[in-house]
Amino acid sequence: MNRQASEKRGRGAETLAAWWLRLHGWHILARRARVPGGEVDIVARRGRTLAFVEVKARATDDAAAFSLDAYRLRRVAVAAERLSQRFMRAGDELRIDAIFIVPRRWPRHLADIWQG
């Protein structure tokens, strides 16, 4: 798959993930938030929970699960730490989530995946 097609697929997966979150009561605060050292696909809030969400689109469940390795998680964690100053309010719970997008399946939302 070429870079343009991958980019288009990734943006489509992020849009689907954002709608999934909205349908489950989340407010989308930012998409593709970039800072030096990393990027977060979606920043979302529900009540006092602020989530930095990494979205992965793959052909199978296994491929999606393996696509989020320690290196990528560290980059998301760095970005979340730097972005938290912009989005966090007093009393908020901060977490890093993942949403896996696989064809012909409901999106899979994994909460609080960072244990660093």
PDB file of N, CA and C in Angstrom:
ATOM      1  N   MET A   1       0.854  -1.174   0.000  1.00  0.00           N
ATOM      2  CA  MET A   1       0.000   0.000   0.000  1.00  0.00           C
ATOM      3  C   MET A   1       0.904   1.243   0.000  1.00  0.00           C
ATOM      4  N   ASN A   2       0.612   2.197  -0.869  1.00  0.00           N
ATOM      5  CA  ASN A   2       1.456   3.387  -0.923  1.00  0.00           C
ATOM      6  C   ASN A   2       1.125   4.357   0.204  1.00  0.00           C
ATOM      7  N   ARG A   3       2.002   5.345   0.361  1.00  0.00           N
ATOM      8  CA  ARG A   3       1.880   6.280   1.484  1.00  0.00           C
ATOM      9  C   ARG A   3       0.567   7.060   1.450  1.00  0.00           C
ATOM     10  N   GLN A   4       0.140   7.504   0.288  1.00  0.00           N
ATOM     11  CA  GLN A   4      -1.118   8.261   0.183  1.00  0.00           C
ATOM     12  C   GLN A   4      -2.314   7.414   0.606  1.00  0.00           C
ATOM     13  N   ALA A   5      -2.337   6.180   0.164  1.00  0.00           N
ATOM     14  CA  ALA A   5      -3.438   5.291   0.520  1.00  0.00           C
ATOM     15  C   ALA A   5      -3.435   5.001   2.019  1.00  0.00           C
ATOM     16  N   SER A   6      -2.244   4.808   2.584  1.00  0.00           N
ATOM     17  CA  SER A   6      -2.141   4.577   4.024  1.00  0.00           C
ATOM     18  C   SER A   6      -2.624   5.787   4.812  1.00  0.00           C
ATOM     19  N   GLU A   7      -2.245   6.973   4.348  1.00  0.00           N
ATOM     20  CA  GLU A   7      -2.674   8.211   5.011  1.00  0.00           C
ATOM     21  C   GLU A   7      -4.194   8.344   4.965  1.00  0.00           C
ATOM     22  N   LYS A   8      -4.777   8.072   3.817  1.00  0.00           N
ATOM     23  CA  LYS A   8      -6.235   8.162   3.666  1.00  0.00           C
ATOM     24  C   LYS A   8      -6.931   7.139   4.572  1.00  0.00           C
ATOM     25  N   ARG A   9      -6.414   5.942   4.607  1.00  0.00           N
ATOM     26  CA  ARG A   9      -6.992   4.895   5.457  1.00  0.00           C
ATOM     27  C   ARG A   9      -6.898   5.281   6.933  1.00  0.00           C
ATOM     28  N   GLY A  10      -5.753   5.837   7.321  1.00  0.00           N
ATOM     29  CA  GLY A  10      -5.563   6.266   8.701  1.00  0.00           C
ATOM     30  C   GLY A  10      -6.524   7.370   9.099  1.00  0.00           C
ATOM     31  N   ARG A  11      -6.698   8.349   8.222  1.00  0.00           N
ATOM     32  CA  ARG A  11      -7.642   9.439   8.514  1.00  0.00           C
ATOM     33  C   ARG A  11      -9.076   8.915   8.607  1.00  0.00           C
ATOM     34  N   GLY A  12      -9.420   7.983   7.738  1.00  0.00           N
ATOM     35  CA  GLY A  12     -10.761   7.385   7.803  1.00  0.00           C
ATOM     36  C   GLY A  12     -10.979   6.633   9.104  1.00  0.00           C
ATOM     37  N   ALA A  13      -9.955   5.896   9.550  1.00  0.00           N
ATOM     38  CA  ALA A  13     -10.049   5.166  10.815  1.00  0.00           C
ATOM     39  C   ALA A  13     -10.189   6.133  11.986  1.00  0.00           C
ATOM     40  N   GLU A  14      -9.456   7.243  11.945  1.00  0.00           N
ATOM     41  CA  GLU A  14      -9.556   8.243  13.012  1.00  0.00           C
ATOM     42  C   GLU A  14     -10.942   8.881  13.038  1.00  0.00           C
ATOM     43  N   THR A  15     -11.518   9.114  11.874  1.00  0.00           N
ATOM     44  CA  THR A  15     -12.872   9.671  11.815  1.00  0.00           C
ATOM     45  C   THR A  15     -13.875   8.679  12.404  1.00  0.00           C
ATOM     46  N   LEU A  16     -13.754   7.413  12.036  1.00  0.00           N
ATOM     47  CA  LEU A  16     -14.631   6.375  12.587  1.00  0.00           C
ATOM     48  C   LEU A  16     -14.468   6.280  14.108  1.00  0.00           C
ATOM     49  N   ALA A  17     -13.228   6.318  14.582  1.00  0.00           N
ATOM     50  CA  ALA A  17     -12.976   6.249  16.022  1.00  0.00           C
ATOM     51  C   ALA A  17     -13.565   7.453  16.748  1.00  0.00           C
ATOM     52  N   ALA A  18     -13.451   8.632  16.142  1.00  0.00           N
ATOM     53  CA  ALA A  18     -14.019   9.841  16.755  1.00  0.00           C
ATOM     54  C   ALA A  18     -15.538   9.718  16.867  1.00  0.00           C
ATOM     55  N   TRP A  19     -16.187   9.215  15.836  1.00  0.00           N
ATOM     56  CA  TRP A  19     -17.645   9.026  15.902  1.00  0.00           C
ATOM     57  C   TRP A  19     -18.013   7.979  16.947  1.00  0.00           C
ATOM     58  N   TRP A  20     -17.230   6.922  17.024  1.00  0.00           N
ATOM     59  CA  TRP A  20     -17.468   5.883  18.027  1.00  0.00           C
ATOM     60  C   TRP A  20     -17.414   6.491  19.429  1.00  0.00           C
ATOM     61  N   LEU A  21     -16.391   7.298  19.662  1.00  0.00           N
ATOM     62  CA  LEU A  21     -16.267   7.951  20.971  1.00  0.00           C
ATOM     63  C   LEU A  21     -17.449   8.878  21.238  1.00  0.00           C
ATOM     64  N   ARG A  22     -17.836   9.671  20.249  1.00  0.00           N
ATOM     65  CA  ARG A  22     -18.981  10.578  20.419  1.00  0.00           C
ATOM     66  C   ARG A  22     -20.242   9.811  20.786  1.00  0.00           C
ATOM     67  N   LEU A  23     -20.462   8.693  20.117  1.00  0.00           N
ATOM     68  CA  LEU A  23     -21.652   7.880  20.395  1.00  0.00           C
ATOM     69  C   LEU A  23     -21.632   7.294  21.802  1.00  0.00           C
ATOM     70  N   HIS A  24     -20.451   7.252  22.420  1.00  0.00           N
ATOM     71  CA  HIS A  24     -20.315   6.737  23.777  1.00  0.00           C
ATOM     72  C   HIS A  24     -20.093   7.855  24.793  1.00  0.00           C
ATOM     73  N   GLY A  25     -20.500   9.066  24.431  1.00  0.00           N
ATOM     74  CA  GLY A  25     -20.524  10.158  25.377  1.00  0.00           C
ATOM     75  C   GLY A  25     -19.269  10.995  25.506  1.00  0.00           C
ATOM     76  N   TRP A  26     -18.307  10.796  24.630  1.00  0.00           N
ATOM     77  CA  TRP A  26     -17.055  11.558  24.666  1.00  0.00           C
ATOM     78  C   TRP A  26     -17.174  12.828  23.829  1.00  0.00           C
ATOM     79  N   HIS A  27     -16.468  13.860  24.241  1.00  0.00           N
ATOM     80  CA  HIS A  27     -16.348  15.103  23.462  1.00  0.00           C
ATOM     81  C   HIS A  27     -14.945  15.124  22.873  1.00  0.00           C
ATOM     82  N   ILE A  28     -14.854  15.318  21.579  1.00  0.00           N
ATOM     83  CA  ILE A  28     -13.556  15.357  20.906  1.00  0.00           C
ATOM     84  C   ILE A  28     -12.984  16.762  21.050  1.00  0.00           C
ATOM     85  N   LEU A  29     -11.815  16.852  21.669  1.00  0.00           N
ATOM     86  CA  LEU A  29     -11.169  18.135  21.891  1.00  0.00           C
ATOM     87  C   LEU A  29     -10.152  18.464  20.807  1.00  0.00           C
ATOM     88  N   ALA A  30      -9.506  17.430  20.258  1.00  0.00           N
ATOM     89  CA  ALA A  30      -8.506  17.648  19.210  1.00  0.00           C
ATOM     90  C   ALA A  30      -8.293  16.353  18.443  1.00  0.00           C
ATOM     91  N   ARG A  31      -7.866  16.515  17.204  1.00  0.00           N
ATOM     92  CA  ARG A  31      -7.473  15.377  16.373  1.00  0.00           C
ATOM     93  C   ARG A  31      -6.096  15.664  15.822  1.00  0.00           C
ATOM     94  N   ARG A  32      -5.281  14.633  15.758  1.00  0.00           N
ATOM     95  CA  ARG A  32      -3.902  14.746  15.256  1.00  0.00           C
ATOM     96  C   ARG A  32      -3.141  15.871  15.936  1.00  0.00           C
ATOM     97  N   ALA A  33      -3.166  15.864  17.231  1.00  0.00           N
ATOM     98  CA  ALA A  33      -2.465  16.881  18.021  1.00  0.00           C
ATOM     99  C   ALA A  33      -0.977  16.531  18.046  1.00  0.00           C
ATOM    100  N   ARG A  34      -0.156  17.438  17.537  1.00  0.00           N
ATOM    101  CA  ARG A  34       1.288  17.188  17.429  1.00  0.00           C
ATOM    102  C   ARG A  34       2.073  18.092  18.360  1.00  0.00           C
ATOM    103  N   VAL A  35       3.105  17.503  18.917  1.00  0.00           N
ATOM    104  CA  VAL A  35       4.082  18.232  19.724  1.00  0.00           C
ATOM    105  C   VAL A  35       5.443  17.624  19.406  1.00  0.00           C
ATOM    106  N   PRO A  36       6.530  18.328  19.735  1.00  0.00           N
ATOM    107  CA  PRO A  36       7.845  17.710  19.535  1.00  0.00           C
ATOM    108  C   PRO A  36       7.935  16.389  20.296  1.00  0.00           C
ATOM    109  N   GLY A  37       8.291  15.343  19.594  1.00  0.00           N
ATOM    110  CA  GLY A  37       8.444  14.036  20.230  1.00  0.00           C
ATOM    111  C   GLY A  37       7.276  13.097  20.088  1.00  0.00           C
ATOM    112  N   GLY A  38       6.165  13.556  19.498  1.00  0.00           N
ATOM    113  CA  GLY A  38       5.050  12.633  19.348  1.00  0.00           C
ATOM    114  C   GLY A  38       3.785  13.273  18.832  1.00  0.00           C
ATOM    115  N   GLU A  39       2.786  12.435  18.673  1.00  0.00           N
ATOM    116  CA  GLU A  39       1.482  12.858  18.163  1.00  0.00           C
ATOM    117  C   GLU A  39       0.415  12.004  18.831  1.00  0.00           C
ATOM    118  N   VAL A  40      -0.748  12.607  19.046  1.00  0.00           N
ATOM    119  CA  VAL A  40      -1.902  11.885  19.574  1.00  0.00           C
ATOM    120  C   VAL A  40      -2.996  11.984  18.527  1.00  0.00           C
ATOM    121  N   ASP A  41      -3.591  10.847  18.173  1.00  0.00           N
ATOM    122  CA  ASP A  41      -4.621  10.843  17.137  1.00  0.00           C
ATOM    123  C   ASP A  41      -5.867  11.601  17.572  1.00  0.00           C
ATOM    124  N   ILE A  42      -6.334  11.340  18.802  1.00  0.00           N
ATOM    125  CA  ILE A  42      -7.556  11.981  19.299  1.00  0.00           C
ATOM    126  C   ILE A  42      -7.358  12.343  20.777  1.00  0.00           C
ATOM    127  N   VAL A  43      -7.772  13.547  21.130  1.00  0.00           N
ATOM    128  CA  VAL A  43      -7.851  13.948  22.534  1.00  0.00           C
ATOM    129  C   VAL A  43      -9.340  14.081  22.832  1.00  0.00           C
ATOM    130  N   ALA A  44      -9.819  13.355  23.847  1.00  0.00           N
ATOM    131  CA  ALA A  44     -11.257  13.327  24.132  1.00  0.00           C
ATOM    132  C   ALA A  44     -11.506  13.456  25.632  1.00  0.00           C
ATOM    133  N   ARG A  45     -12.682  13.967  25.959  1.00  0.00           N
ATOM    134  CA  ARG A  45     -13.077  14.140  27.360  1.00  0.00           C
ATOM    135  C   ARG A  45     -14.480  13.582  27.555  1.00  0.00           C
ATOM    136  N   ARG A  46     -14.639  12.884  28.685  1.00  0.00           N
ATOM    137  CA  ARG A  46     -15.961  12.472  29.148  1.00  0.00           C
ATOM    138  C   ARG A  46     -15.964  12.693  30.652  1.00  0.00           C
ATOM    139  N   GLY A  47     -16.731  13.669  31.076  1.00  0.00           N
ATOM    140  CA  GLY A  47     -16.749  14.021  32.496  1.00  0.00           C
ATOM    141  C   GLY A  47     -15.383  14.509  32.937  1.00  0.00           C
ATOM    142  N   ARG A  48     -14.837  13.868  33.974  1.00  0.00           N
ATOM    143  CA  ARG A  48     -13.528  14.252  34.519  1.00  0.00           C
ATOM    144  C   ARG A  48     -12.405  13.406  33.943  1.00  0.00           C
ATOM    145  N   THR A  49     -12.694  12.611  32.909  1.00  0.00           N
ATOM    146  CA  THR A  49     -11.665  11.775  32.294  1.00  0.00           C
ATOM    147  C   THR A  49     -11.189  12.414  30.999  1.00  0.00           C
ATOM    148  N   LEU A  50      -9.881  12.609  30.903  1.00  0.00           N
ATOM    149  CA  LEU A  50      -9.242  13.130  29.705  1.00  0.00           C
ATOM    150  C   LEU A  50      -8.439  11.992  29.097  1.00  0.00           C
ATOM    151  N   ALA A  51      -8.785  11.607  27.871  1.00  0.00           N
ATOM    152  CA  ALA A  51      -8.138  10.468  27.224  1.00  0.00           C
ATOM    153  C   ALA A  51      -7.367  10.919  25.990  1.00  0.00           C
ATOM    154  N   PHE A  52      -6.164  10.405  25.875  1.00  0.00           N
ATOM    155  CA  PHE A  52      -5.346  10.577  24.689  1.00  0.00           C
ATOM    156  C   PHE A  52      -5.409   9.242  23.955  1.00  0.00           C
ATOM    157  N   VAL A  53      -5.991   9.252  22.763  1.00  0.00           N
ATOM    158  CA  VAL A  53      -6.366   8.011  22.088  1.00  0.00           C
ATOM    159  C   VAL A  53      -5.509   7.773  20.849  1.00  0.00           C
ATOM    160  N   GLU A  54      -4.898   6.602  20.802  1.00  0.00           N
ATOM    161  CA  GLU A  54      -4.154   6.152  19.629  1.00  0.00           C
ATOM    162  C   GLU A  54      -5.076   5.249  18.825  1.00  0.00           C
ATOM    163  N   VAL A  55      -5.184   5.510  17.529  1.00  0.00           N
ATOM    164  CA  VAL A  55      -6.059   4.738  16.650  1.00  0.00           C
ATOM    165  C   VAL A  55      -5.194   3.893  15.717  1.00  0.00           C
ATOM    166  N   LYS A  56      -5.511   2.620  15.612  1.00  0.00           N
ATOM    167  CA  LYS A  56      -4.800   1.715  14.723  1.00  0.00           C
ATOM    168  C   LYS A  56      -5.798   0.984  13.837  1.00  0.00           C
ATOM    169  N   ALA A  57      -5.610   1.081  12.530  1.00  0.00           N
ATOM    170  CA  ALA A  57      -6.451   0.375  11.561  1.00  0.00           C
ATOM    171  C   ALA A  57      -5.611  -0.721  10.915  1.00  0.00           C
ATOM    172  N   ARG A  58      -6.081  -1.929  10.998  1.00  0.00           N
ATOM    173  CA  ARG A  58      -5.380  -3.069  10.417  1.00  0.00           C
ATOM    174  C   ARG A  58      -6.394  -4.041   9.829  1.00  0.00           C
ATOM    175  N   ALA A  59      -5.901  -5.004   9.073  1.00  0.00           N
ATOM    176  CA  ALA A  59      -6.768  -5.950   8.379  1.00  0.00           C
ATOM    177  C   ALA A  59      -7.362  -7.007   9.312  1.00  0.00           C
ATOM    178  N   THR A  60      -6.652  -7.323  10.406  1.00  0.00           N
ATOM    179  CA  THR A  60      -7.128  -8.357  11.326  1.00  0.00           C
ATOM    180  C   THR A  60      -6.995  -7.877  12.774  1.00  0.00           C
ATOM    181  N   ASP A  61      -7.693  -8.561  13.665  1.00  0.00           N
ATOM    182  CA  ASP A  61      -7.595  -8.246  15.093  1.00  0.00           C
ATOM    183  C   ASP A  61      -6.161  -8.410  15.600  1.00  0.00           C
ATOM    184  N   ASP A  62      -5.508  -9.505  15.191  1.00  0.00           N
ATOM    185  CA  ASP A  62      -4.137  -9.753  15.640  1.00  0.00           C
ATOM    186  C   ASP A  62      -3.181  -8.672  15.144  1.00  0.00           C
ATOM    187  N   ALA A  63      -3.310  -8.302  13.883  1.00  0.00           N
ATOM    188  CA  ALA A  63      -2.437  -7.264  13.336  1.00  0.00           C
ATOM    189  C   ALA A  63      -2.646  -5.941  14.071  1.00  0.00           C
ATOM    190  N   ALA A  64      -3.874  -5.631  14.415  1.00  0.00           N
ATOM    191  CA  ALA A  64      -4.170  -4.394  15.149  1.00  0.00           C
ATOM    192  C   ALA A  64      -3.523  -4.433  16.527  1.00  0.00           C
ATOM    193  N   ALA A  65      -3.654  -5.550  17.214  1.00  0.00           N
ATOM    194  CA  ALA A  65      -3.095  -5.667  18.560  1.00  0.00           C
ATOM    195  C   ALA A  65      -1.570  -5.538  18.538  1.00  0.00           C
ATOM    196  N   PHE A  66      -0.933  -6.128  17.553  1.00  0.00           N
ATOM    197  CA  PHE A  66       0.526  -6.080  17.468  1.00  0.00           C
ATOM    198  C   PHE A  66       1.058  -4.757  16.931  1.00  0.00           C
ATOM    199  N   SER A  67       0.190  -3.934  16.377  1.00  0.00           N
ATOM    200  CA  SER A  67       0.644  -2.675  15.781  1.00  0.00           C
ATOM    201  C   SER A  67       0.986  -1.618  16.823  1.00  0.00           C
ATOM    202  N   LEU A  68       0.545  -1.804  18.036  1.00  0.00           N
ATOM    203  CA  LEU A  68       0.789  -0.826  19.093  1.00  0.00           C
ATOM    204  C   LEU A  68       1.877  -1.369  20.019  1.00  0.00           C
ATOM    205  N   ASP A  69       3.128  -1.127  19.633  1.00  0.00           N
ATOM    206  CA  ASP A  69       4.254  -1.643  20.401  1.00  0.00           C
ATOM    207  C   ASP A  69       4.745  -0.615  21.426  1.00  0.00           C
ATOM    208  N   ALA A  70       5.746  -0.990  22.198  1.00  0.00           N
ATOM    209  CA  ALA A  70       6.265  -0.135  23.273  1.00  0.00           C
ATOM    210  C   ALA A  70       6.795   1.194  22.734  1.00  0.00           C
ATOM    211  N   TYR A  71       7.446   1.167  21.578  1.00  0.00           N
ATOM    212  CA  TYR A  71       7.983   2.400  20.992  1.00  0.00           C
ATOM    213  C   TYR A  71       6.852   3.389  20.686  1.00  0.00           C
ATOM    214  N   ARG A  72       5.807   2.919  20.037  1.00  0.00           N
ATOM    215  CA  ARG A  72       4.690   3.794  19.688  1.00  0.00           C
ATOM    216  C   ARG A  72       3.963   4.290  20.940  1.00  0.00           C
ATOM    217  N   LEU A  73       3.815   3.418  21.914  1.00  0.00           N
ATOM    218  CA  LEU A  73       3.177   3.827  23.162  1.00  0.00           C
ATOM    219  C   LEU A  73       3.980   4.917  23.877  1.00  0.00           C
ATOM    220  N   ARG A  74       5.304   4.801  23.863  1.00  0.00           N
ATOM    221  CA  ARG A  74       6.140   5.829  24.482  1.00  0.00           C
ATOM    222  C   ARG A  74       5.954   7.171  23.791  1.00  0.00           C
ATOM    223  N   ARG A  75       5.866   7.161  22.455  1.00  0.00           N
ATOM    224  CA  ARG A  75       5.659   8.405  21.706  1.00  0.00           C
ATOM    225  C   ARG A  75       4.312   9.039  22.057  1.00  0.00           C
ATOM    226  N   VAL A  76       3.292   8.224  22.198  1.00  0.00           N
ATOM    227  CA  VAL A  76       1.976   8.737  22.593  1.00  0.00           C
ATOM    228  C   VAL A  76       2.046   9.286  24.019  1.00  0.00           C
ATOM    229  N   ALA A  77       2.744   8.579  24.906  1.00  0.00           N
ATOM    230  CA  ALA A  77       2.864   9.030  26.294  1.00  0.00           C
ATOM    231  C   ALA A  77       3.594  10.367  26.381  1.00  0.00           C
ATOM    232  N   VAL A  78       4.661  10.534  25.598  1.00  0.00           N
ATOM    233  CA  VAL A  78       5.390  11.816  25.577  1.00  0.00           C
ATOM    234  C   VAL A  78       4.467  12.928  25.094  1.00  0.00           C
ATOM    235  N   ALA A  79       3.751  12.661  24.003  1.00  0.00           N
ATOM    236  CA  ALA A  79       2.828  13.671  23.465  1.00  0.00           C
ATOM    237  C   ALA A  79       1.724  13.978  24.475  1.00  0.00           C
ATOM    238  N   ALA A  80       1.183  12.955  25.122  1.00  0.00           N
ATOM    239  CA  ALA A  80       0.115  13.172  26.110  1.00  0.00           C
ATOM    240  C   ALA A  80       0.617  14.028  27.264  1.00  0.00           C
ATOM    241  N   GLU A  81       1.822  13.758  27.718  1.00  0.00           N
ATOM    242  CA  GLU A  81       2.386  14.548  28.820  1.00  0.00           C
ATOM    243  C   GLU A  81       2.513  16.018  28.421  1.00  0.00           C
ATOM    244  N   ARG A  82       2.986  16.267  27.213  1.00  0.00           N
ATOM    245  CA  ARG A  82       3.154  17.642  26.753  1.00  0.00           C
ATOM    246  C   ARG A  82       1.827  18.323  26.449  1.00  0.00           C
ATOM    247  N   LEU A  83       0.864  17.568  25.956  1.00  0.00           N
ATOM    248  CA  LEU A  83      -0.442  18.134  25.621  1.00  0.00           C
ATOM    249  C   LEU A  83      -1.352  18.291  26.840  1.00  0.00           C
ATOM    250  N   SER A  84      -1.077  17.556  27.893  1.00  0.00           N
ATOM    251  CA  SER A  84      -1.962  17.599  29.057  1.00  0.00           C
ATOM    252  C   SER A  84      -2.073  19.010  29.624  1.00  0.00           C
ATOM    253  N   GLN A  85      -1.015  19.793  29.530  1.00  0.00           N
ATOM    254  CA  GLN A  85      -1.058  21.172  30.023  1.00  0.00           C
ATOM    255  C   GLN A  85      -2.118  21.988  29.296  1.00  0.00           C
ATOM    256  N   ARG A  86      -2.333  21.669  28.044  1.00  0.00           N
ATOM    257  CA  ARG A  86      -3.294  22.401  27.218  1.00  0.00           C
ATOM    258  C   ARG A  86      -4.738  21.998  27.514  1.00  0.00           C
ATOM    259  N   PHE A  87      -4.985  20.730  27.843  1.00  0.00           N
ATOM    260  CA  PHE A  87      -6.346  20.215  27.929  1.00  0.00           C
ATOM    261  C   PHE A  87      -6.815  19.837  29.331  1.00  0.00           C
ATOM    262  N   MET A  88      -5.904  19.624  30.238  1.00  0.00           N
ATOM    263  CA  MET A  88      -6.269  19.108  31.559  1.00  0.00           C
ATOM    264  C   MET A  88      -6.829  20.203  32.463  1.00  0.00           C
ATOM    265  N   ARG A  89      -7.838  19.817  33.257  1.00  0.00           N
ATOM    266  CA  ARG A  89      -8.419  20.690  34.272  1.00  0.00           C
ATOM    267  C   ARG A  89      -8.160  20.078  35.636  1.00  0.00           C
ATOM    268  N   ALA A  90      -8.242  20.903  36.654  1.00  0.00           N
ATOM    269  CA  ALA A  90      -8.036  20.414  38.022  1.00  0.00           C
ATOM    270  C   ALA A  90      -9.001  19.269  38.313  1.00  0.00           C
ATOM    271  N   GLY A  91      -8.489  18.194  38.885  1.00  0.00           N
ATOM    272  CA  GLY A  91      -9.325  17.052  39.248  1.00  0.00           C
ATOM    273  C   GLY A  91      -9.525  16.035  38.146  1.00  0.00           C
ATOM    274  N   ASP A  92      -8.969  16.273  36.966  1.00  0.00           N
ATOM    275  CA  ASP A  92      -9.125  15.322  35.866  1.00  0.00           C
ATOM    276  C   ASP A  92      -8.317  14.053  36.088  1.00  0.00           C
ATOM    277  N   GLU A  93      -8.861  12.959  35.578  1.00  0.00           N
ATOM    278  CA  GLU A  93      -8.132  11.698  35.491  1.00  0.00           C
ATOM    279  C   GLU A  93      -7.570  11.643  34.076  1.00  0.00           C
ATOM    280  N   LEU A  94      -6.309  11.361  33.948  1.00  0.00           N
ATOM    281  CA  LEU A  94      -5.643  11.310  32.651  1.00  0.00           C
ATOM    282  C   LEU A  94      -5.357   9.863  32.289  1.00  0.00           C
ATOM    283  N   ARG A  95      -5.609   9.501  31.032  1.00  0.00           N
ATOM    284  CA  ARG A  95      -5.282   8.143  30.611  1.00  0.00           C
ATOM    285  C   ARG A  95      -4.968   8.106  29.118  1.00  0.00           C
ATOM    286  N   ILE A  96      -4.330   7.019  28.713  1.00  0.00           N
ATOM    287  CA  ILE A  96      -4.034   6.776  27.304  1.00  0.00           C
ATOM    288  C   ILE A  96      -4.836   5.552  26.892  1.00  0.00           C
ATOM    289  N   ASP A  97      -5.635   5.718  25.842  1.00  0.00           N
ATOM    290  CA  ASP A  97      -6.487   4.651  25.318  1.00  0.00           C
ATOM    291  C   ASP A  97      -6.047   4.275  23.911  1.00  0.00           C
ATOM    292  N   ALA A  98      -6.574   3.176  23.417  1.00  0.00           N
ATOM    293  CA  ALA A  98      -6.372   2.768  22.028  1.00  0.00           C
ATOM    294  C   ALA A  98      -7.714   2.345  21.450  1.00  0.00           C
ATOM    295  N   ILE A  99      -7.883   2.616  20.180  1.00  0.00           N
ATOM    296  CA  ILE A  99      -9.042   2.104  19.453  1.00  0.00           C
ATOM    297  C   ILE A  99      -8.519   1.382  18.225  1.00  0.00           C
ATOM    298  N   PHE A 100      -8.912   0.111  18.094  1.00  0.00           N
ATOM    299  CA  PHE A 100      -8.517  -0.703  16.949  1.00  0.00           C
ATOM    300  C   PHE A 100      -9.674  -0.780  15.965  1.00  0.00           C
ATOM    301  N   ILE A 101      -9.369  -0.460  14.715  1.00  0.00           N
ATOM    302  CA  ILE A 101     -10.356  -0.489  13.638  1.00  0.00           C
ATOM    303  C   ILE A 101     -10.001  -1.645  12.706  1.00  0.00           C
ATOM    304  N   VAL A 102     -10.905  -2.594  12.589  1.00  0.00           N
ATOM    305  CA  VAL A 102     -10.720  -3.773  11.746  1.00  0.00           C
ATOM    306  C   VAL A 102     -11.953  -3.894  10.859  1.00  0.00           C
ATOM    307  N   PRO A 103     -11.782  -4.166   9.562  1.00  0.00           N
ATOM    308  CA  PRO A 103     -12.935  -4.271   8.669  1.00  0.00           C
ATOM    309  C   PRO A 103     -13.984  -5.272   9.163  1.00  0.00           C
ATOM    310  N   ARG A 104     -15.240  -4.894   8.980  1.00  0.00           N
ATOM    311  CA  ARG A 104     -16.402  -5.725   9.305  1.00  0.00           C
ATOM    312  C   ARG A 104     -16.495  -6.080  10.792  1.00  0.00           C
ATOM    313  N   ARG A 105     -15.943  -5.240  11.649  1.00  0.00           N
ATOM    314  CA  ARG A 105     -16.039  -5.430  13.097  1.00  0.00           C
ATOM    315  C   ARG A 105     -16.304  -4.077  13.746  1.00  0.00           C
ATOM    316  N   TRP A 106     -16.926  -4.120  14.917  1.00  0.00           N
ATOM    317  CA  TRP A 106     -17.101  -2.891  15.683  1.00  0.00           C
ATOM    318  C   TRP A 106     -15.725  -2.409  16.141  1.00  0.00           C
ATOM    319  N   PRO A 107     -15.540  -1.106  16.255  1.00  0.00           N
ATOM    320  CA  PRO A 107     -14.268  -0.619  16.817  1.00  0.00           C
ATOM    321  C   PRO A 107     -14.063  -1.178  18.218  1.00  0.00           C
ATOM    322  N   ARG A 108     -12.823  -1.475  18.547  1.00  0.00           N
ATOM    323  CA  ARG A 108     -12.483  -2.009  19.868  1.00  0.00           C
ATOM    324  C   ARG A 108     -11.743  -0.935  20.661  1.00  0.00           C
ATOM    325  N   HIS A 109     -12.337  -0.475  21.737  1.00  0.00           N
ATOM    326  CA  HIS A 109     -11.781   0.607  22.560  1.00  0.00           C
ATOM    327  C   HIS A 109     -11.160  -0.001  23.818  1.00  0.00           C
ATOM    328  N   LEU A 110      -9.854   0.162  23.950  1.00  0.00           N
ATOM    329  CA  LEU A 110      -9.145  -0.318  25.131  1.00  0.00           C
ATOM    330  C   LEU A 110      -8.767   0.893  25.983  1.00  0.00           C
ATOM    331  N   ALA A 111      -9.269   0.927  27.197  1.00  0.00           N
ATOM    332  CA  ALA A 111      -9.031   2.065  28.086  1.00  0.00           C
ATOM    333  C   ALA A 111      -7.758   1.871  28.909  1.00  0.00           C
ATOM    334  N   ASP A 112      -7.069   2.974  29.138  1.00  0.00           N
ATOM    335  CA  ASP A 112      -5.931   3.029  30.056  1.00  0.00           C
ATOM    336  C   ASP A 112      -4.868   1.973  29.749  1.00  0.00           C
ATOM    337  N   ILE A 113      -4.319   2.028  28.540  1.00  0.00           N
ATOM    338  CA  ILE A 113      -3.356   1.013  28.112  1.00  0.00           C
ATOM    339  C   ILE A 113      -1.926   1.305  28.540  1.00  0.00           C
ATOM    340  N   TRP A 114      -1.637   2.520  28.970  1.00  0.00           N
ATOM    341  CA  TRP A 114      -0.262   2.885  29.325  1.00  0.00           C
ATOM    342  C   TRP A 114       0.003   2.548  30.786  1.00  0.00           C
ATOM    343  N   GLN A 115       1.024   1.762  31.012  1.00  0.00           N
ATOM    344  CA  GLN A 115       1.381   1.382  32.374  1.00  0.00           C
ATOM    345  C   GLN A 115       2.779   1.882  32.726  1.00  0.00           C
ATOM    346  N   GLY A 116       3.244   2.932  32.038  1.00  0.00           N
ATOM    347  CA  GLY A 116       4.614   3.442  32.211  1.00  0.00           C
ATOM    348  C   GLY A 116       4.736   4.265  33.411  1.00  0.00           C
TER     349      GLY A 116
END
